[in-house]
Amino acid sequence: MTAKGFTINERGQINSYAIEPKVYVEATPRLGFTGYAERLNGRLAMIGFVGLIALEVLTGHGLIGWLSSL
């Protein structure tokens, strides 16, 4: 017997432990040219591009000039 998310034992006592959710396996592949991989690559590229612009603004040199001055 259940009562709004709780189970009741044979004595009528409410079990206050949570009911476990159903376990499922996501069928969408996470490898190869998937939408997930393309979004992740795009976001990482945007972070890298903004980082390079910030480097150029802060140092006054581009990436190659900054690396050659080290």
N, C-alpha and C. Protein backbone atom coordinates (compact mmCIF):
# COMPACT_ATOMS: atom_id res chain seq x y z
N MET A 1 0.83 -1.18 0.00
CA MET A 1 0.00 0.00 0.00
C MET A 1 0.88 1.25 0.00
N THR A 2 0.49 2.28 -0.72
CA THR A 2 1.23 3.53 -0.72
C THR A 2 0.31 4.68 -0.40
N ALA A 3 0.87 5.76 0.16
CA ALA A 3 0.10 6.95 0.49
C ALA A 3 0.92 8.16 0.11
N LYS A 4 0.70 8.69 -1.05
CA LYS A 4 1.35 9.91 -1.55
C LYS A 4 2.87 9.90 -1.37
N GLY A 5 3.54 8.95 -1.94
CA GLY A 5 4.99 8.89 -1.90
C GLY A 5 5.57 8.10 -0.76
N PHE A 6 4.76 7.65 0.17
CA PHE A 6 5.24 6.84 1.29
C PHE A 6 4.63 5.45 1.20
N THR A 7 5.33 4.50 1.75
CA THR A 7 4.76 3.15 1.82
C THR A 7 4.26 2.89 3.23
N ILE A 8 3.23 2.08 3.34
CA ILE A 8 2.65 1.73 4.64
C ILE A 8 2.82 0.24 4.84
N ASN A 9 3.34 -0.16 6.01
CA ASN A 9 3.55 -1.58 6.27
C ASN A 9 2.25 -2.23 6.74
N GLU A 10 2.32 -3.51 7.11
CA GLU A 10 1.11 -4.25 7.49
C GLU A 10 0.47 -3.75 8.78
N ARG A 11 1.22 -3.01 9.62
CA ARG A 11 0.67 -2.46 10.86
C ARG A 11 0.05 -1.09 10.67
N GLY A 12 0.15 -0.53 9.46
CA GLY A 12 -0.38 0.80 9.19
C GLY A 12 0.60 1.91 9.47
N GLN A 13 1.87 1.57 9.70
CA GLN A 13 2.89 2.58 9.96
C GLN A 13 3.44 3.10 8.63
N ILE A 14 3.65 4.41 8.58
CA ILE A 14 4.17 5.02 7.36
C ILE A 14 5.69 4.88 7.34
N ASN A 15 6.23 4.44 6.23
CA ASN A 15 7.67 4.34 6.03
C ASN A 15 8.14 5.70 5.54
N SER A 16 9.00 6.37 6.31
CA SER A 16 9.43 7.72 5.97
C SER A 16 10.63 7.74 5.02
N TYR A 17 11.11 6.57 4.61
CA TYR A 17 12.22 6.54 3.66
C TYR A 17 11.69 6.86 2.26
N ALA A 18 12.53 7.49 1.47
CA ALA A 18 12.13 7.86 0.12
C ALA A 18 11.96 6.63 -0.76
N ILE A 19 11.02 6.71 -1.66
CA ILE A 19 10.83 5.64 -2.64
C ILE A 19 11.89 5.83 -3.72
N GLU A 20 12.59 4.78 -4.06
CA GLU A 20 13.67 4.87 -5.02
C GLU A 20 13.11 5.13 -6.42
N PRO A 21 13.72 6.05 -7.17
CA PRO A 21 13.26 6.30 -8.53
C PRO A 21 13.63 5.15 -9.45
N LYS A 22 12.94 5.05 -10.56
CA LYS A 22 13.25 4.03 -11.55
C LYS A 22 14.57 4.38 -12.23
N VAL A 23 15.41 3.39 -12.43
CA VAL A 23 16.70 3.58 -13.06
C VAL A 23 16.54 3.38 -14.56
N TYR A 24 17.12 4.27 -15.35
CA TYR A 24 17.06 4.14 -16.79
C TYR A 24 18.43 4.42 -17.38
N VAL A 25 18.66 3.91 -18.55
CA VAL A 25 19.91 4.11 -19.26
C VAL A 25 19.61 4.99 -20.47
N GLU A 26 20.37 6.07 -20.60
CA GLU A 26 20.15 6.96 -21.73
C GLU A 26 20.65 6.29 -23.01
N ALA A 27 19.80 6.23 -24.00
CA ALA A 27 20.14 5.52 -25.24
C ALA A 27 20.90 6.40 -26.23
N THR A 28 21.03 7.70 -25.94
CA THR A 28 21.73 8.60 -26.85
C THR A 28 23.23 8.35 -26.77
N PRO A 29 23.88 8.10 -27.91
CA PRO A 29 25.33 7.87 -27.87
C PRO A 29 26.07 9.16 -27.52
N ARG A 30 27.13 9.05 -26.75
CA ARG A 30 27.93 10.21 -26.36
C ARG A 30 29.27 10.25 -27.10
N LEU A 31 29.50 9.38 -28.07
CA LEU A 31 30.74 9.36 -28.82
C LEU A 31 30.48 9.68 -30.28
N GLY A 32 31.48 10.19 -30.96
CA GLY A 32 31.35 10.47 -32.38
C GLY A 32 30.78 11.86 -32.65
N PHE A 33 30.26 12.07 -33.84
CA PHE A 33 29.73 13.37 -34.23
C PHE A 33 28.27 13.48 -33.81
N THR A 34 28.06 13.68 -32.53
CA THR A 34 26.70 13.85 -32.01
C THR A 34 26.47 15.32 -31.71
N GLY A 35 25.24 15.67 -31.46
CA GLY A 35 24.92 17.05 -31.11
C GLY A 35 25.61 17.48 -29.83
N TYR A 36 25.71 16.55 -28.87
CA TYR A 36 26.39 16.85 -27.61
C TYR A 36 27.86 17.19 -27.85
N ALA A 37 28.54 16.40 -28.67
CA ALA A 37 29.96 16.63 -28.94
C ALA A 37 30.17 17.95 -29.68
N GLU A 38 29.29 18.26 -30.61
CA GLU A 38 29.42 19.51 -31.36
C GLU A 38 29.20 20.73 -30.46
N ARG A 39 28.22 20.64 -29.56
CA ARG A 39 27.99 21.75 -28.63
C ARG A 39 29.18 21.93 -27.69
N LEU A 40 29.72 20.82 -27.20
CA LEU A 40 30.87 20.89 -26.29
C LEU A 40 32.08 21.49 -27.00
N ASN A 41 32.35 21.04 -28.22
CA ASN A 41 33.49 21.59 -28.99
C ASN A 41 33.30 23.07 -29.27
N GLY A 42 32.09 23.47 -29.60
CA GLY A 42 31.82 24.88 -29.86
C GLY A 42 32.02 25.74 -28.63
N ARG A 43 31.55 25.25 -27.49
CA ARG A 43 31.71 26.02 -26.25
C ARG A 43 33.17 26.14 -25.86
N LEU A 44 33.93 25.06 -26.00
CA LEU A 44 35.36 25.13 -25.69
C LEU A 44 36.10 26.06 -26.64
N ALA A 45 35.70 26.07 -27.91
CA ALA A 45 36.33 26.97 -28.87
C ALA A 45 36.02 28.43 -28.52
N MET A 46 34.79 28.70 -28.08
CA MET A 46 34.44 30.08 -27.69
C MET A 46 35.26 30.52 -26.48
N ILE A 47 35.45 29.62 -25.51
CA ILE A 47 36.25 29.96 -24.33
C ILE A 47 37.70 30.24 -24.74
N GLY A 48 38.24 29.43 -25.63
CA GLY A 48 39.61 29.64 -26.10
C GLY A 48 39.76 30.94 -26.87
N PHE A 49 38.78 31.27 -27.70
CA PHE A 49 38.84 32.50 -28.49
C PHE A 49 38.78 33.72 -27.59
N VAL A 50 37.89 33.71 -26.60
CA VAL A 50 37.80 34.83 -25.66
C VAL A 50 39.08 34.93 -24.84
N GLY A 51 39.67 33.79 -24.49
CA GLY A 51 40.94 33.81 -23.76
C GLY A 51 42.06 34.42 -24.58
N LEU A 52 42.10 34.11 -25.88
CA LEU A 52 43.14 34.71 -26.74
C LEU A 52 42.94 36.21 -26.89
N ILE A 53 41.70 36.66 -26.99
CA ILE A 53 41.44 38.10 -27.07
C ILE A 53 41.86 38.78 -25.77
N ALA A 54 41.54 38.16 -24.62
CA ALA A 54 41.94 38.73 -23.33
C ALA A 54 43.46 38.78 -23.22
N LEU A 55 44.15 37.76 -23.68
CA LEU A 55 45.62 37.75 -23.66
C LEU A 55 46.18 38.89 -24.49
N GLU A 56 45.59 39.12 -25.66
CA GLU A 56 46.08 40.19 -26.52
C GLU A 56 45.81 41.56 -25.91
N VAL A 57 44.67 41.73 -25.28
CA VAL A 57 44.35 43.02 -24.64
C VAL A 57 45.28 43.27 -23.46
N LEU A 58 45.54 42.25 -22.66
CA LEU A 58 46.35 42.45 -21.46
C LEU A 58 47.84 42.61 -21.76
N THR A 59 48.36 41.90 -22.76
CA THR A 59 49.80 41.96 -23.04
C THR A 59 50.15 42.91 -24.18
N GLY A 60 49.21 43.22 -25.02
CA GLY A 60 49.51 44.07 -26.17
C GLY A 60 50.09 43.30 -27.34
N HIS A 61 50.26 42.00 -27.22
CA HIS A 61 50.78 41.14 -28.28
C HIS A 61 49.79 40.04 -28.56
N GLY A 62 49.88 39.47 -29.75
CA GLY A 62 49.08 38.30 -30.07
C GLY A 62 49.69 37.06 -29.44
N LEU A 63 49.11 35.91 -29.70
CA LEU A 63 49.60 34.67 -29.11
C LEU A 63 51.03 34.37 -29.54
N ILE A 64 51.32 34.49 -30.84
CA ILE A 64 52.67 34.18 -31.33
C ILE A 64 53.69 35.16 -30.77
N GLY A 65 53.36 36.43 -30.73
CA GLY A 65 54.28 37.43 -30.17
C GLY A 65 54.52 37.22 -28.69
N TRP A 66 53.46 36.84 -27.97
CA TRP A 66 53.60 36.59 -26.54
C TRP A 66 54.46 35.36 -26.28
N LEU A 67 54.28 34.30 -27.08
CA LEU A 67 55.07 33.09 -26.90
C LEU A 67 56.54 33.32 -27.28
N SER A 68 56.80 34.14 -28.31
CA SER A 68 58.18 34.37 -28.72
C SER A 68 58.91 35.29 -27.76
N SER A 69 58.19 36.09 -26.95
CA SER A 69 58.85 36.98 -26.00
C SER A 69 59.21 36.28 -24.69
N LEU A 70 58.76 35.05 -24.51
CA LEU A 70 59.09 34.31 -23.28
C LEU A 70 60.47 33.79 -23.40
